[in-house]
Structures are given as C-alpha cells and as structure tokens.
C-alpha cells in the first residue's frame, strides 16, 4: 500500500496516515465504480487525503484554527481546523471544505463529496468493529449510495446514543434529513 501524500503542515502518526490512505483508496474505488466526473472524483480523493491531516495536532493549534467550531470536543476539532487551514492555503471548493469540516459530526447540506467521505471514514477496512457488516456496506455503495449513506448515519447515531456521547445539532439535522 503506497501512502498518500499529505501537506507539509499535516500532523499525523504513521497509523493515522495508513487510515487516510485506506479512506482515500475506498473513495477512489467508489468514484470509479459510480463513474463520477473527474472533478468529483478528485474532490472525493482530496477529501479522503485531507480529512485527518491535523488529527494528531496539539490542542492549542486545533482550537486556534477551529475558531467558531472550538466548542467541539478535542477529538472533533481536527476537521474544522483542517478546513480552516486549507482555506488559508487557498482551497476554494466549498463542498470539499464542508466535507472535511463536518466529517465527524455530519452535515445535512452535504453534496455527495461530504456523504462519501462520511461513509468511507466509517467503512474503511482497517477499523476493527463490525468488520463483516461494514465490508458488506462498503461493497454496496456503488449499488445504493443513498441507502448505504442512510444506514451509516443510523449506525453512527446508534453508537453515539449507546455510548452516551453528546449528539451535536449537525448530527441530528443530518439524521432528520435522511430518515
């Protein structure tokens, strides 16, 4: 597995970089199977490559960059921080920035780029829970993109509720938009 290239400002462990590579590969596989445009495929792969670019950064850097999203828990700041950093670097694709910013909580206004990233981040084969179920869902994405997306949202909501995690309004809005 050839690891993806990350920006010089990235802060990731080798293990995180492997996760990023798997997410990006899954997104590329789906984009090819769905025969999306080259522009959309590039956005999907960029979302996969960049979504966790600051996942292992220190809290002060994350809170400083996250700005308006600084109220999230520490584990959720890397998406907003990476989106801000990308915008500072000149990234102008609003859909890509929204996909990265909200990839941990969801966003009801997402286009397919955000939805694809949300699924790939959850379904990538390196995660060690519900391996069979997640592999089945990943294989179904090219056949039923919206149906699998709805199921992933449901699974993530159920996990959050079961574990007693806070439900962010973005997550609830996303659930309301797909049920």
N, C-alpha and C. Protein backbone atom coordinates (compact mmCIF):
# COMPACT_ATOMS: atom_id res chain seq x y z
N UNK A 1 0.85 -1.18 0.00
CA UNK A 1 0.00 0.00 0.00
C UNK A 1 0.89 1.24 0.00
N UNK A 2 0.75 2.06 -1.03
CA UNK A 2 1.51 3.30 -1.11
C UNK A 2 0.74 4.39 -0.37
N UNK A 3 1.39 4.99 0.61
CA UNK A 3 0.74 6.00 1.42
C UNK A 3 0.51 7.28 0.61
N UNK A 4 -0.60 7.96 0.90
CA UNK A 4 -0.93 9.20 0.20
C UNK A 4 0.01 10.32 0.63
N UNK A 5 0.16 11.29 -0.24
CA UNK A 5 0.97 12.47 0.07
C UNK A 5 0.11 13.47 0.83
N UNK A 6 0.67 14.01 1.89
CA UNK A 6 -0.05 14.98 2.72
C UNK A 6 0.64 16.33 2.66
N UNK A 7 -0.07 17.40 2.98
CA UNK A 7 0.55 18.73 3.01
C UNK A 7 1.66 18.80 4.06
N UNK A 8 2.57 19.72 3.87
CA UNK A 8 3.70 19.86 4.80
C UNK A 8 3.24 20.22 6.21
N UNK A 9 2.08 20.82 6.35
CA UNK A 9 1.59 21.23 7.67
C UNK A 9 0.83 20.11 8.39
N UNK A 10 0.69 18.97 7.78
CA UNK A 10 -0.04 17.85 8.40
C UNK A 10 0.65 17.40 9.68
N UNK A 11 -0.17 16.92 10.61
CA UNK A 11 0.33 16.33 11.86
C UNK A 11 -0.42 15.02 12.04
N UNK A 12 0.22 13.92 11.62
CA UNK A 12 -0.40 12.61 11.71
C UNK A 12 0.64 11.57 12.09
N UNK A 13 0.19 10.57 12.81
CA UNK A 13 1.04 9.43 13.14
C UNK A 13 1.08 8.50 11.92
N UNK A 14 2.03 7.58 11.87
CA UNK A 14 2.04 6.61 10.78
C UNK A 14 0.74 5.80 10.69
N UNK A 15 0.19 5.43 11.83
CA UNK A 15 -1.07 4.69 11.84
C UNK A 15 -2.21 5.52 11.25
N UNK A 16 -2.25 6.79 11.58
CA UNK A 16 -3.29 7.68 11.04
C UNK A 16 -3.12 7.83 9.53
N UNK A 17 -1.88 7.92 9.08
CA UNK A 17 -1.61 8.05 7.65
C UNK A 17 -2.10 6.81 6.89
N UNK A 18 -1.96 5.64 7.51
CA UNK A 18 -2.48 4.42 6.89
C UNK A 18 -4.00 4.48 6.78
N UNK A 19 -4.66 4.99 7.82
CA UNK A 19 -6.12 5.17 7.79
C UNK A 19 -6.49 6.11 6.64
N UNK A 20 -5.81 7.22 6.54
CA UNK A 20 -6.08 8.20 5.47
C UNK A 20 -5.92 7.53 4.10
N UNK A 21 -4.90 6.73 3.96
CA UNK A 21 -4.66 6.04 2.69
C UNK A 21 -5.80 5.08 2.37
N UNK A 22 -6.29 4.34 3.36
CA UNK A 22 -7.41 3.41 3.14
C UNK A 22 -8.70 4.16 2.80
N UNK A 23 -8.96 5.26 3.48
CA UNK A 23 -10.15 6.06 3.19
C UNK A 23 -10.09 6.59 1.76
N UNK A 24 -8.94 7.11 1.38
CA UNK A 24 -8.78 7.67 0.03
C UNK A 24 -8.93 6.58 -1.03
N UNK A 25 -8.37 5.41 -0.79
CA UNK A 25 -8.50 4.30 -1.74
C UNK A 25 -9.95 3.88 -1.90
N UNK A 26 -10.68 3.82 -0.80
CA UNK A 26 -12.09 3.45 -0.85
C UNK A 26 -12.90 4.48 -1.64
N UNK A 27 -12.63 5.75 -1.40
CA UNK A 27 -13.32 6.81 -2.14
C UNK A 27 -13.01 6.73 -3.63
N UNK A 28 -11.76 6.47 -3.97
CA UNK A 28 -11.39 6.35 -5.37
C UNK A 28 -12.08 5.15 -6.01
N UNK A 29 -12.15 4.04 -5.29
CA UNK A 29 -12.83 2.84 -5.79
C UNK A 29 -14.30 3.14 -6.07
N UNK A 30 -14.97 3.79 -5.13
CA UNK A 30 -16.39 4.11 -5.33
C UNK A 30 -16.58 5.09 -6.48
N UNK A 31 -15.72 6.10 -6.56
CA UNK A 31 -15.85 7.10 -7.63
C UNK A 31 -15.72 6.44 -9.00
N UNK A 32 -14.78 5.52 -9.13
CA UNK A 32 -14.62 4.81 -10.40
C UNK A 32 -15.84 3.94 -10.70
N UNK A 33 -16.32 3.21 -9.70
CA UNK A 33 -17.47 2.32 -9.90
C UNK A 33 -18.73 3.11 -10.25
N UNK A 34 -18.88 4.27 -9.64
CA UNK A 34 -20.05 5.11 -9.90
C UNK A 34 -19.88 5.98 -11.15
N UNK A 35 -18.67 5.96 -11.72
CA UNK A 35 -18.36 6.74 -12.91
C UNK A 35 -18.69 8.23 -12.72
N UNK A 36 -18.29 8.77 -11.57
CA UNK A 36 -18.49 10.20 -11.33
C UNK A 36 -17.52 10.98 -12.23
N UNK A 37 -17.76 12.24 -12.37
CA UNK A 37 -16.88 13.06 -13.20
C UNK A 37 -15.48 13.11 -12.60
N UNK A 38 -14.53 13.47 -13.42
CA UNK A 38 -13.15 13.62 -12.94
C UNK A 38 -13.07 14.67 -11.85
N UNK A 39 -13.81 15.74 -11.98
CA UNK A 39 -13.82 16.80 -10.97
C UNK A 39 -14.33 16.27 -9.64
N UNK A 40 -15.42 15.52 -9.68
CA UNK A 40 -15.98 14.98 -8.44
C UNK A 40 -15.05 13.93 -7.85
N UNK A 41 -14.48 13.08 -8.69
CA UNK A 41 -13.55 12.06 -8.20
C UNK A 41 -12.35 12.71 -7.51
N UNK A 42 -11.84 13.77 -8.09
CA UNK A 42 -10.72 14.49 -7.48
C UNK A 42 -11.12 15.04 -6.13
N UNK A 43 -12.32 15.61 -6.03
CA UNK A 43 -12.80 16.15 -4.75
C UNK A 43 -12.93 15.04 -3.72
N UNK A 44 -13.46 13.89 -4.11
CA UNK A 44 -13.60 12.78 -3.17
C UNK A 44 -12.24 12.34 -2.65
N UNK A 45 -11.29 12.18 -3.56
CA UNK A 45 -9.95 11.73 -3.15
C UNK A 45 -9.25 12.79 -2.31
N UNK A 46 -9.43 14.06 -2.65
CA UNK A 46 -8.84 15.13 -1.83
C UNK A 46 -9.47 15.14 -0.44
N UNK A 47 -10.76 14.90 -0.36
CA UNK A 47 -11.43 14.84 0.95
C UNK A 47 -10.84 13.71 1.79
N UNK A 48 -10.66 12.56 1.19
CA UNK A 48 -10.07 11.44 1.90
C UNK A 48 -8.65 11.74 2.35
N UNK A 49 -7.88 12.34 1.48
CA UNK A 49 -6.47 12.63 1.76
C UNK A 49 -6.30 13.68 2.84
N UNK A 50 -7.23 14.62 2.93
CA UNK A 50 -7.04 15.78 3.80
C UNK A 50 -7.89 15.78 5.07
N UNK A 51 -8.88 14.89 5.18
CA UNK A 51 -9.83 14.97 6.28
C UNK A 51 -9.19 14.84 7.66
N UNK A 52 -8.15 14.05 7.78
CA UNK A 52 -7.48 13.86 9.07
C UNK A 52 -6.08 14.46 9.10
N UNK A 53 -5.82 15.42 8.23
CA UNK A 53 -4.46 15.99 8.11
C UNK A 53 -3.95 16.59 9.41
N UNK A 54 -4.85 17.02 10.30
CA UNK A 54 -4.44 17.58 11.59
C UNK A 54 -4.93 16.73 12.76
N UNK A 55 -5.24 15.47 12.51
CA UNK A 55 -5.82 14.61 13.55
C UNK A 55 -4.94 14.48 14.79
N UNK A 56 -3.63 14.54 14.63
CA UNK A 56 -2.73 14.34 15.76
C UNK A 56 -2.03 15.63 16.20
N UNK A 57 -2.60 16.77 15.82
CA UNK A 57 -2.05 18.06 16.22
C UNK A 57 -2.37 18.32 17.69
N UNK A 58 -1.64 19.23 18.30
CA UNK A 58 -1.84 19.58 19.70
C UNK A 58 -3.11 20.44 19.85
N UNK A 59 -3.73 20.34 21.00
CA UNK A 59 -4.98 21.04 21.27
C UNK A 59 -4.92 22.55 21.03
N UNK A 60 -3.87 23.27 21.48
CA UNK A 60 -3.85 24.71 21.23
C UNK A 60 -3.91 25.06 19.74
N UNK A 61 -3.20 24.31 18.91
CA UNK A 61 -3.23 24.56 17.47
C UNK A 61 -4.62 24.30 16.91
N UNK A 62 -5.22 23.21 17.34
CA UNK A 62 -6.56 22.86 16.85
C UNK A 62 -7.59 23.91 17.26
N UNK A 63 -7.57 24.31 18.52
CA UNK A 63 -8.55 25.30 18.99
C UNK A 63 -8.34 26.65 18.31
N UNK A 64 -7.09 27.01 18.09
CA UNK A 64 -6.79 28.27 17.41
C UNK A 64 -7.33 28.27 15.99
N UNK A 65 -7.13 27.20 15.28
CA UNK A 65 -7.60 27.11 13.90
C UNK A 65 -9.11 26.91 13.82
N UNK A 66 -9.68 26.14 14.74
CA UNK A 66 -11.09 25.78 14.66
C UNK A 66 -12.02 26.98 14.79
N UNK A 67 -11.59 28.00 15.50
CA UNK A 67 -12.39 29.22 15.61
C UNK A 67 -13.80 28.97 16.07
N UNK A 68 -14.77 29.19 15.17
CA UNK A 68 -16.19 29.09 15.54
C UNK A 68 -16.58 27.70 15.98
N UNK A 69 -15.81 26.70 15.60
CA UNK A 69 -16.12 25.32 15.97
C UNK A 69 -15.33 24.87 17.20
N UNK A 70 -14.71 25.80 17.91
CA UNK A 70 -13.85 25.44 19.05
C UNK A 70 -14.63 24.84 20.21
N UNK A 71 -15.96 24.87 20.16
CA UNK A 71 -16.77 24.28 21.21
C UNK A 71 -16.88 22.77 21.12
N UNK A 72 -16.42 22.21 20.02
CA UNK A 72 -16.41 20.75 19.90
C UNK A 72 -15.44 20.14 20.88
N UNK A 73 -15.61 18.85 21.15
CA UNK A 73 -14.64 18.13 21.97
C UNK A 73 -13.33 18.05 21.19
N UNK A 74 -12.25 17.81 21.91
CA UNK A 74 -10.92 17.78 21.30
C UNK A 74 -10.88 16.80 20.11
N UNK A 75 -11.48 15.64 20.24
CA UNK A 75 -11.44 14.63 19.19
C UNK A 75 -12.13 15.07 17.90
N UNK A 76 -12.92 16.13 17.98
CA UNK A 76 -13.69 16.58 16.82
C UNK A 76 -13.14 17.85 16.18
N UNK A 77 -12.09 18.41 16.73
CA UNK A 77 -11.57 19.69 16.25
C UNK A 77 -10.73 19.58 14.98
N UNK A 78 -10.20 18.40 14.70
CA UNK A 78 -9.28 18.28 13.57
C UNK A 78 -9.93 18.58 12.22
N UNK A 79 -11.21 18.25 12.07
CA UNK A 79 -11.90 18.54 10.81
C UNK A 79 -12.06 20.03 10.57
N UNK A 80 -12.66 20.76 11.53
CA UNK A 80 -12.75 22.20 11.36
C UNK A 80 -11.38 22.87 11.21
N UNK A 81 -10.40 22.42 11.97
CA UNK A 81 -9.06 23.01 11.89
C UNK A 81 -8.45 22.79 10.51
N UNK A 82 -8.58 21.58 9.98
CA UNK A 82 -8.03 21.29 8.66
C UNK A 82 -8.75 22.11 7.58
N UNK A 83 -10.06 22.27 7.70
CA UNK A 83 -10.81 23.06 6.72
C UNK A 83 -10.35 24.51 6.73
N UNK A 84 -10.14 25.06 7.92
CA UNK A 84 -9.66 26.44 8.03
C UNK A 84 -8.26 26.56 7.42
N UNK A 85 -7.39 25.63 7.75
CA UNK A 85 -6.02 25.66 7.23
C UNK A 85 -6.03 25.56 5.71
N UNK A 86 -6.85 24.69 5.17
CA UNK A 86 -6.95 24.56 3.71
C UNK A 86 -7.45 25.86 3.07
N UNK A 87 -8.45 26.47 3.68
CA UNK A 87 -8.95 27.75 3.16
C UNK A 87 -7.86 28.81 3.21
N UNK A 88 -7.10 28.84 4.29
CA UNK A 88 -5.98 29.79 4.39
C UNK A 88 -4.95 29.56 3.29
N UNK A 89 -4.80 28.30 2.89
CA UNK A 89 -3.84 27.93 1.84
C UNK A 89 -4.40 28.16 0.43
N UNK A 90 -5.66 28.61 0.35
CA UNK A 90 -6.23 28.93 -0.95
C UNK A 90 -7.27 27.96 -1.49
N UNK A 91 -7.59 26.93 -0.72
CA UNK A 91 -8.64 25.99 -1.18
C UNK A 91 -9.97 26.72 -1.23
N UNK A 92 -10.64 26.64 -2.38
CA UNK A 92 -11.89 27.39 -2.56
C UNK A 92 -13.10 26.49 -2.82
N UNK A 93 -12.91 25.18 -2.89
CA UNK A 93 -14.05 24.29 -3.14
C UNK A 93 -14.87 24.15 -1.87
N UNK A 94 -15.99 24.87 -1.84
CA UNK A 94 -16.83 24.91 -0.64
C UNK A 94 -17.31 23.51 -0.24
N UNK A 95 -17.64 22.69 -1.20
CA UNK A 95 -18.11 21.34 -0.93
C UNK A 95 -17.03 20.51 -0.25
N UNK A 96 -15.81 20.63 -0.70
CA UNK A 96 -14.69 19.91 -0.10
C UNK A 96 -14.44 20.40 1.32
N UNK A 97 -14.44 21.70 1.51
CA UNK A 97 -14.21 22.27 2.85
C UNK A 97 -15.31 21.83 3.81
N UNK A 98 -16.56 21.79 3.36
CA UNK A 98 -17.66 21.35 4.22
C UNK A 98 -17.52 19.86 4.55
N UNK A 99 -17.11 19.07 3.59
CA UNK A 99 -16.91 17.63 3.83
C UNK A 99 -15.88 17.43 4.93
N UNK A 100 -14.78 18.13 4.85
CA UNK A 100 -13.71 17.98 5.83
C UNK A 100 -14.12 18.56 7.18
N UNK A 101 -14.69 19.75 7.17
CA UNK A 101 -15.08 20.42 8.42
C UNK A 101 -16.03 19.55 9.25
N UNK A 102 -16.99 18.92 8.61
CA UNK A 102 -18.05 18.23 9.34
C UNK A 102 -17.95 16.71 9.29
N UNK A 103 -16.81 16.15 8.89
CA UNK A 103 -16.76 14.70 8.68
C UNK A 103 -16.96 13.89 9.96
N UNK A 104 -16.78 14.48 11.12
CA UNK A 104 -17.01 13.73 12.36
C UNK A 104 -18.44 13.85 12.87
N UNK A 105 -19.14 14.92 12.53
CA UNK A 105 -20.49 15.14 13.07
C UNK A 105 -21.58 15.04 12.01
N UNK A 106 -21.25 15.22 10.75
CA UNK A 106 -22.23 15.19 9.69
C UNK A 106 -22.75 16.57 9.35
N UNK A 107 -23.43 16.66 8.20
CA UNK A 107 -23.98 17.93 7.74
C UNK A 107 -25.12 17.63 6.77
N UNK A 108 -26.29 18.11 7.08
CA UNK A 108 -27.47 17.84 6.25
C UNK A 108 -27.37 18.48 4.87
N UNK A 109 -26.55 19.51 4.71
CA UNK A 109 -26.44 20.21 3.44
C UNK A 109 -25.36 19.64 2.51
N UNK A 110 -24.69 18.58 2.93
CA UNK A 110 -23.63 18.00 2.11
C UNK A 110 -24.11 17.58 0.73
N UNK A 111 -23.19 17.68 -0.23
CA UNK A 111 -23.40 17.02 -1.52
C UNK A 111 -22.77 15.63 -1.42
N UNK A 112 -22.55 14.97 -2.53
CA UNK A 112 -22.02 13.60 -2.48
C UNK A 112 -20.60 13.52 -1.93
N UNK A 113 -19.82 14.59 -2.06
CA UNK A 113 -18.45 14.55 -1.53
C UNK A 113 -18.46 14.36 -0.02
N UNK A 114 -19.25 15.14 0.69
CA UNK A 114 -19.34 15.01 2.14
C UNK A 114 -19.92 13.68 2.54
N UNK A 115 -20.94 13.25 1.82
CA UNK A 115 -21.57 11.97 2.14
C UNK A 115 -20.61 10.80 1.90
N UNK A 116 -19.88 10.86 0.81
CA UNK A 116 -18.92 9.80 0.50
C UNK A 116 -17.82 9.74 1.56
N UNK A 117 -17.31 10.90 1.96
CA UNK A 117 -16.26 10.91 2.99
C UNK A 117 -16.79 10.36 4.30
N UNK A 118 -17.97 10.76 4.71
CA UNK A 118 -18.58 10.28 5.95
C UNK A 118 -18.67 8.75 5.95
N UNK A 119 -19.08 8.20 4.81
CA UNK A 119 -19.18 6.74 4.72
C UNK A 119 -17.80 6.09 4.71
N UNK A 120 -16.89 6.60 3.91
CA UNK A 120 -15.57 5.98 3.77
C UNK A 120 -14.80 6.02 5.08
N UNK A 121 -14.93 7.10 5.82
CA UNK A 121 -14.23 7.22 7.11
C UNK A 121 -14.73 6.15 8.08
N UNK A 122 -15.99 5.82 7.99
CA UNK A 122 -16.60 4.81 8.86
C UNK A 122 -16.39 3.39 8.34
N UNK A 123 -16.45 3.21 7.02
CA UNK A 123 -16.44 1.88 6.43
C UNK A 123 -15.06 1.37 6.03
N UNK A 124 -14.04 2.20 6.13
CA UNK A 124 -12.71 1.76 5.66
C UNK A 124 -12.30 0.48 6.37
N UNK A 125 -11.64 -0.44 5.66
CA UNK A 125 -11.43 -1.79 6.17
C UNK A 125 -10.44 -1.94 7.33
N UNK A 126 -9.76 -0.91 7.73
CA UNK A 126 -8.81 -1.02 8.84
C UNK A 126 -9.44 -0.95 10.21
N UNK A 127 -10.69 -0.53 10.26
CA UNK A 127 -11.37 -0.45 11.56
C UNK A 127 -11.74 -1.86 12.01
N UNK A 128 -11.71 -2.11 13.31
CA UNK A 128 -11.81 -3.48 13.83
C UNK A 128 -13.17 -3.84 14.42
N UNK A 129 -14.19 -3.06 14.18
CA UNK A 129 -15.52 -3.39 14.71
C UNK A 129 -16.47 -3.70 13.54
N UNK A 130 -17.42 -4.55 13.79
CA UNK A 130 -18.44 -4.91 12.79
C UNK A 130 -17.82 -5.11 11.40
N UNK A 131 -16.74 -5.85 11.35
CA UNK A 131 -15.96 -5.99 10.12
C UNK A 131 -16.81 -6.49 8.96
N UNK A 132 -17.56 -7.56 9.16
CA UNK A 132 -18.38 -8.12 8.10
C UNK A 132 -19.47 -7.18 7.63
N UNK A 133 -20.18 -6.58 8.58
CA UNK A 133 -21.27 -5.65 8.23
C UNK A 133 -20.74 -4.45 7.47
N UNK A 134 -19.62 -3.91 7.94
CA UNK A 134 -19.07 -2.73 7.29
C UNK A 134 -18.52 -3.05 5.89
N UNK A 135 -17.91 -4.23 5.73
CA UNK A 135 -17.41 -4.64 4.41
C UNK A 135 -18.57 -4.80 3.44
N UNK A 136 -19.66 -5.39 3.93
CA UNK A 136 -20.86 -5.54 3.09
C UNK A 136 -21.37 -4.17 2.64
N UNK A 137 -21.49 -3.25 3.59
CA UNK A 137 -21.98 -1.91 3.25
C UNK A 137 -21.05 -1.21 2.27
N UNK A 138 -19.75 -1.32 2.49
CA UNK A 138 -18.78 -0.67 1.58
C UNK A 138 -18.95 -1.19 0.16
N UNK A 139 -19.19 -2.48 0.01
CA UNK A 139 -19.38 -3.06 -1.31
C UNK A 139 -20.69 -2.62 -1.96
N UNK A 140 -21.66 -2.21 -1.14
CA UNK A 140 -22.98 -1.80 -1.64
C UNK A 140 -23.03 -0.34 -2.08
N UNK A 141 -22.05 0.47 -1.69
CA UNK A 141 -22.10 1.90 -2.02
C UNK A 141 -22.32 2.17 -3.50
N UNK A 142 -21.59 1.50 -4.42
CA UNK A 142 -21.84 1.79 -5.84
C UNK A 142 -23.23 1.37 -6.33
N UNK A 143 -23.89 0.47 -5.58
CA UNK A 143 -25.20 -0.02 -5.97
C UNK A 143 -26.34 0.79 -5.35
N UNK A 144 -26.11 1.35 -4.17
CA UNK A 144 -27.16 2.07 -3.44
C UNK A 144 -26.52 3.14 -2.56
N UNK A 145 -25.95 4.14 -3.19
CA UNK A 145 -25.23 5.19 -2.47
C UNK A 145 -26.07 5.78 -1.35
N UNK A 146 -27.28 6.22 -1.67
CA UNK A 146 -28.13 6.88 -0.67
C UNK A 146 -28.58 5.93 0.43
N UNK A 147 -28.91 4.70 0.08
CA UNK A 147 -29.34 3.73 1.08
C UNK A 147 -28.22 3.39 2.06
N UNK A 148 -27.01 3.21 1.55
CA UNK A 148 -25.88 2.93 2.43
C UNK A 148 -25.58 4.15 3.30
N UNK A 149 -25.68 5.32 2.71
CA UNK A 149 -25.44 6.53 3.50
C UNK A 149 -26.41 6.60 4.67
N UNK A 150 -27.68 6.35 4.41
CA UNK A 150 -28.69 6.38 5.46
C UNK A 150 -28.34 5.35 6.55
N UNK A 151 -27.91 4.16 6.15
CA UNK A 151 -27.55 3.12 7.12
C UNK A 151 -26.33 3.53 7.94
N UNK A 152 -25.35 4.15 7.32
CA UNK A 152 -24.16 4.59 8.06
C UNK A 152 -24.54 5.67 9.06
N UNK A 153 -25.38 6.61 8.66
CA UNK A 153 -25.83 7.65 9.59
C UNK A 153 -26.54 6.98 10.77
N UNK A 154 -27.40 6.03 10.49
CA UNK A 154 -28.12 5.31 11.54
C UNK A 154 -27.14 4.61 12.49
N UNK A 155 -26.18 3.90 11.93
CA UNK A 155 -25.22 3.17 12.75
C UNK A 155 -24.40 4.11 13.64
N UNK A 156 -24.02 5.23 13.08
CA UNK A 156 -23.22 6.18 13.87
C UNK A 156 -24.06 6.84 14.96
N UNK A 157 -25.33 7.13 14.65
CA UNK A 157 -26.23 7.68 15.67
C UNK A 157 -26.46 6.67 16.79
N UNK A 158 -26.72 5.43 16.42
CA UNK A 158 -26.95 4.39 17.43
C UNK A 158 -25.73 4.21 18.32
N UNK A 159 -24.55 4.24 17.74
CA UNK A 159 -23.32 4.12 18.53
C UNK A 159 -23.20 5.28 19.51
N UNK A 160 -23.42 6.50 19.03
CA UNK A 160 -23.32 7.68 19.90
C UNK A 160 -24.30 7.58 21.06
N UNK A 161 -25.52 7.17 20.78
CA UNK A 161 -26.53 7.04 21.83
C UNK A 161 -26.17 5.93 22.82
N UNK A 162 -25.75 4.79 22.29
CA UNK A 162 -25.38 3.65 23.14
C UNK A 162 -24.21 3.99 24.06
N UNK A 163 -23.25 4.76 23.56
CA UNK A 163 -22.06 5.11 24.34
C UNK A 163 -22.25 6.36 25.20
N UNK A 164 -23.42 6.99 25.10
CA UNK A 164 -23.70 8.18 25.90
C UNK A 164 -22.98 9.43 25.42
N UNK A 165 -22.61 9.46 24.13
CA UNK A 165 -21.94 10.63 23.59
C UNK A 165 -22.94 11.76 23.34
N UNK A 166 -22.45 12.94 23.36
CA UNK A 166 -23.27 14.11 23.05
C UNK A 166 -23.67 14.06 21.57
N UNK A 167 -24.92 14.38 21.30
CA UNK A 167 -25.38 14.50 19.93
C UNK A 167 -25.32 15.97 19.53
N UNK A 168 -24.53 16.27 18.55
CA UNK A 168 -24.41 17.64 18.07
C UNK A 168 -25.58 17.96 17.14
N UNK A 169 -25.96 19.22 17.08
CA UNK A 169 -27.13 19.59 16.27
C UNK A 169 -26.91 19.23 14.80
N UNK A 170 -25.67 19.27 14.32
CA UNK A 170 -25.38 18.89 12.94
C UNK A 170 -25.73 17.42 12.70
N UNK A 171 -25.45 16.58 13.68
CA UNK A 171 -25.73 15.14 13.58
C UNK A 171 -27.24 14.90 13.56
N UNK A 172 -27.96 15.56 14.43
CA UNK A 172 -29.41 15.41 14.49
C UNK A 172 -30.04 15.92 13.19
N UNK A 173 -29.57 17.06 12.69
CA UNK A 173 -30.08 17.59 11.42
C UNK A 173 -29.81 16.62 10.27
N UNK A 174 -28.64 16.00 10.28
CA UNK A 174 -28.32 15.02 9.24
C UNK A 174 -29.29 13.83 9.33
N UNK A 175 -29.48 13.33 10.52
CA UNK A 175 -30.41 12.20 10.70
C UNK A 175 -31.80 12.58 10.22
N UNK A 176 -32.26 13.76 10.61
CA UNK A 176 -33.60 14.19 10.18
C UNK A 176 -33.70 14.31 8.66
N UNK A 177 -32.60 14.60 7.99
CA UNK A 177 -32.63 14.78 6.53
C UNK A 177 -32.64 13.46 5.76
N UNK A 178 -32.27 12.35 6.42
CA UNK A 178 -32.19 11.08 5.68
C UNK A 178 -33.22 10.03 6.13
N UNK A 179 -33.89 10.26 7.25
CA UNK A 179 -34.82 9.21 7.71
C UNK A 179 -36.17 9.33 7.07
